[in-house]
C-alpha atoms as a PDB file:
ATOM      1  CA  MET A   1     -29.282 198.812  60.131  1.00  0.00           C
ATOM      2  CA  SER A   2     -29.474 199.214  56.412  1.00  0.00           C
ATOM      3  CA  GLU A   3     -32.507 200.026  54.473  1.00  0.00           C
ATOM      4  CA  LEU A   4     -33.425 196.865  53.445  1.00  0.00           C
ATOM      5  CA  ASP A   5     -33.107 195.686  57.000  1.00  0.00           C
ATOM      6  CA  ASN A   6     -35.446 198.436  58.218  1.00  0.00           C
ATOM      7  CA  PRO A   7     -39.301 196.901  57.884  1.00  0.00           C
ATOM      8  CA  ARG A   8     -40.947 199.829  58.163  1.00  0.00           C
ATOM      9  CA  ARG A   9     -39.251 201.712  54.978  1.00  0.00           C
ATOM     10  CA  ARG A  10     -41.189 203.181  52.149  1.00  0.00           C
ATOM     11  CA  THR A  11     -42.986 200.948  49.712  1.00  0.00           C
ATOM     12  CA  ARG A  12     -42.286 203.137  46.814  1.00  0.00           C
ATOM     13  CA  PRO A  13     -39.141 205.507  47.389  1.00  0.00           C
ATOM     14  CA  GLU A  14     -39.967 207.226  44.288  1.00  0.00           C
ATOM     15  CA  ASP A  15     -42.782 208.999  45.664  1.00  0.00           C
ATOM     16  CA  SER A  16     -41.042 211.673  47.418  1.00  0.00           C
ATOM     17  CA  SER A  17     -42.710 214.763  49.112  1.00  0.00           C
ATOM     18  CA  GLU A  18     -39.222 216.334  49.067  1.00  0.00           C
ATOM     19  CA  ASP A  19     -40.844 218.569  45.998  1.00  0.00           C
ATOM     20  CA  GLU A  20     -43.955 219.115  48.150  1.00  0.00           C
ATOM     21  CA  GLU A  21     -41.910 220.575  51.163  1.00  0.00           C
ATOM     22  CA  ALA A  22     -40.018 222.967  48.826  1.00  0.00           C
ATOM     23  CA  ASN A  23     -43.201 224.369  47.594  1.00  0.00           C
ATOM     24  CA  ASN A  24     -44.749 225.044  50.422  1.00  0.00           C
ATOM     25  CA  THR A  25     -44.658 228.425  51.583  1.00  0.00           C
ATOM     26  CA  LEU A  26     -43.869 228.808  55.151  1.00  0.00           C
ATOM     27  CA  LEU A  27     -45.378 231.477  57.678  1.00  0.00           C
ATOM     28  CA  PRO A  28     -42.743 234.304  58.775  1.00  0.00           C
ATOM     29  CA  THR A  29     -40.807 233.620  61.744  1.00  0.00           C
ATOM     30  CA  PRO A  30     -42.299 235.913  64.304  1.00  0.00           C
ATOM     31  CA  GLN A  31     -40.266 239.278  65.219  1.00  0.00           C
ATOM     32  CA  THR A  32     -37.956 239.307  67.897  1.00  0.00           C
ATOM     33  CA  GLY A  33     -38.532 243.160  69.056  1.00  0.00           C
ATOM     34  CA  PHE A  34     -42.113 244.629  70.090  1.00  0.00           C
ATOM     35  CA  SER A  35     -44.543 245.869  67.653  1.00  0.00           C
ATOM     36  CA  GLU A  36     -47.515 247.717  68.046  1.00  0.00           C
ATOM     37  CA  ASN A  37     -48.806 246.295  64.986  1.00  0.00           C
ATOM     38  CA  ALA A  38     -47.875 243.121  64.300  1.00  0.00           C
ATOM     39  CA  LYS A  39     -48.861 242.068  60.709  1.00  0.00           C
ATOM     40  CA  GLY A  40     -49.615 238.259  60.313  1.00  0.00           C
ATOM     41  CA  ARG A  41     -52.720 235.832  61.011  1.00  0.00           C
ATOM     42  CA  TYR A  42     -52.987 235.006  64.902  1.00  0.00           C
ATOM     43  CA  ARG A  43     -55.541 233.111  66.561  1.00  0.00           C
ATOM     44  CA  SER A  44     -56.538 232.439  70.348  1.00  0.00           C
ATOM     45  CA  ARG A  45     -56.542 229.134  72.047  1.00  0.00           C
ATOM     46  CA  VAL A  46     -59.501 228.659  74.022  1.00  0.00           C
ATOM     47  CA  ASP A  47     -60.967 225.405  76.999  1.00  0.00           C
ATOM     48  CA  GLN A  48     -64.456 226.256  76.351  1.00  0.00           C
ATOM     49  CA  TYR A  49     -66.514 227.851  73.567  1.00  0.00           C
ATOM     50  CA  GLY A  50     -69.410 229.914  74.292  1.00  0.00           C
ATOM     51  CA  THR A  51     -71.527 228.584  71.290  1.00  0.00           C
ATOM     52  CA  LYS A  52     -70.551 224.892  72.379  1.00  0.00           C
ATOM     53  CA  ALA A  53     -73.110 222.867  71.480  1.00  0.00           C
ATOM     54  CA  ASP A  54     -74.894 220.155  74.709  1.00  0.00           C
ATOM     55  CA  TRP A  55     -74.699 216.669  74.716  1.00  0.00           C
ATOM     56  CA  PRO A  56     -77.875 214.756  73.024  1.00  0.00           C
ATOM     57  CA  ARG A  57     -80.157 213.547  75.577  1.00  0.00           C
ATOM     58  CA  GLU A  58     -83.204 211.650  75.579  1.00  0.00           C
ATOM     59  CA  PRO A  59     -86.131 214.196  76.945  1.00  0.00           C
ATOM     60  CA  LEU A  60     -87.479 213.915  80.805  1.00  0.00           C
ATOM     61  CA  TYR A  61     -91.094 213.395  79.647  1.00  0.00           C
ATOM     62  CA  GLN A  62     -92.488 211.646  76.874  1.00  0.00           C
ATOM     63  CA  VAL A  63     -95.557 212.163  74.196  1.00  0.00           C
ATOM     64  CA  GLY A  64     -98.533 210.746  75.496  1.00  0.00           C
ATOM     65  CA  GLU A  65     -97.721 211.389  79.381  1.00  0.00           C
ATOM     66  CA  THR A  66     -99.813 212.611  82.374  1.00  0.00           C
ATOM     67  CA  VAL A  67     -98.162 215.446  83.509  1.00  0.00           C
ATOM     68  CA  TYR A  68     -99.257 218.666  86.099  1.00  0.00           C
ATOM     69  CA  LEU A  69     -98.452 222.385  85.223  1.00  0.00           C
ATOM     70  CA  GLN A  70     -96.343 223.789  88.293  1.00  0.00           C
ATOM     71  CA  ILE A  71     -97.549 227.475  88.086  1.00  0.00           C
ATOM     72  CA  ALA A  72     -95.462 230.374  90.038  1.00  0.00           C
ATOM     73  CA  GLY A  73     -97.232 231.400  93.199  1.00  0.00           C
ATOM     74  CA  ARG A  74     -99.286 228.115  93.821  1.00  0.00           C
ATOM     75  CA  GLN A  75     -99.176 225.837  96.205  1.00  0.00           C
ATOM     76  CA  GLN A  76    -100.215 222.938  93.906  1.00  0.00           C
ATOM     77  CA  PRO A  77     -99.508 222.018  90.558  1.00  0.00           C
ATOM     78  CA  ALA A  78    -102.708 222.339  87.768  1.00  0.00           C
ATOM     79  CA  GLY A  79    -103.708 219.590  85.752  1.00  0.00           C
ATOM     80  CA  PRO A  80    -103.850 216.914  84.919  1.00  0.00           C
ATOM     81  CA  TYR A  81    -102.296 217.371  81.002  1.00  0.00           C
ATOM     82  CA  VAL A  82    -100.939 215.358  78.762  1.00  0.00           C
ATOM     83  CA  ILE A  83     -97.929 215.919  76.400  1.00  0.00           C
ATOM     84  CA  VAL A  84     -99.127 216.063  72.770  1.00  0.00           C
ATOM     85  CA  SER A  85     -95.172 217.270  71.458  1.00  0.00           C
ATOM     86  CA  ASN A  86     -91.908 218.516  72.469  1.00  0.00           C
ATOM     87  CA  ASP A  87     -89.510 220.744  71.197  1.00  0.00           C
ATOM     88  CA  PHE A  88     -86.343 219.162  71.886  1.00  0.00           C
ATOM     89  CA  GLU A  89     -83.697 221.738  71.055  1.00  0.00           C
ATOM     90  CA  ASN A  90     -85.512 224.098  73.456  1.00  0.00           C
ATOM     91  CA  ALA A  91     -86.416 221.788  75.887  1.00  0.00           C
ATOM     92  CA  THR A  92     -90.015 222.721  75.915  1.00  0.00           C
ATOM     93  CA  TYR A  93     -93.737 220.693  75.536  1.00  0.00           C
ATOM     94  CA  GLN A  94     -96.818 221.171  74.174  1.00  0.00           C
ATOM     95  CA  LEU A  95     -99.504 220.233  76.532  1.00  0.00           C
ATOM     96  CA  GLN A  96    -103.168 219.459  76.176  1.00  0.00           C
ATOM     97  CA  ARG A  97    -105.784 219.239  79.152  1.00  0.00           C
ATOM     98  CA  LEU A  98    -107.326 215.424  79.534  1.00  0.00           C
ATOM     99  CA  ASP A  99    -110.846 216.642  81.206  1.00  0.00           C
ATOM    100  CA  ASN A 100    -111.997 218.728  77.998  1.00  0.00           C
ATOM    101  CA  GLY A 101    -108.904 218.636  75.396  1.00  0.00           C
ATOM    102  CA  GLN A 102    -108.387 222.166  75.564  1.00  0.00           C
ATOM    103  CA  ARG A 103    -104.512 222.862  74.379  1.00  0.00           C
ATOM    104  CA  HIS A 104    -102.051 224.858  76.756  1.00  0.00           C
ATOM    105  CA  PRO A 105    -101.747 228.260  75.140  1.00  0.00           C
ATOM    106  CA  VAL A 106     -97.985 228.290  75.058  1.00  0.00           C
ATOM    107  CA  ALA A 107     -94.914 225.776  75.133  1.00  0.00           C
ATOM    108  CA  VAL A 108     -94.329 224.983  78.557  1.00  0.00           C
ATOM    109  CA  PRO A 109     -90.673 224.784  79.938  1.00  0.00           C
ATOM    110  CA  GLU A 110     -89.343 221.091  80.830  1.00  0.00           C
ATOM    111  CA  THR A 111     -88.626 222.853  84.073  1.00  0.00           C
ATOM    112  CA  SER A 112     -92.364 223.779  85.490  1.00  0.00           C
ATOM    113  CA  LEU A 113     -93.778 219.902  84.784  1.00  0.00           C
ATOM    114  CA  ARG A 114     -94.448 217.762  87.540  1.00  0.00           C
ATOM    115  CA  VAL A 115     -95.364 213.793  87.934  1.00  0.00           C
ATOM    116  CA  PRO A 116     -96.945 212.518  90.823  1.00  0.00           C
ATOM    117  CA  SER A 117     -94.440 211.135  93.364  1.00  0.00           C
ATOM    118  CA  SER A 118     -94.840 207.265  93.839  1.00  0.00           C
END
């Protein structure tokens, strides 16, 4: 097949990358012998990263929703509370009591919140 018959030929043959390839510095080839101090740049391969970001998701509870707070050591949750704000990154919520409007002193983790079952 001649160059003219090939539909995938270069559109501008004068733009050759041969000069660029000649100027690229190649990394040294690995030594065949063992070395206690092999000079060069190395990296490892990993399947998972220790600081991998989680996929974004919607909060389980919405601002303005009525919830109850499960306190460790108690059989029944305390409340009702209303959610006034949420910290999406830490999955925590700021709560306010419905009866007197007093704010809960600390941010509450998502795992401690309860809603009535239907």
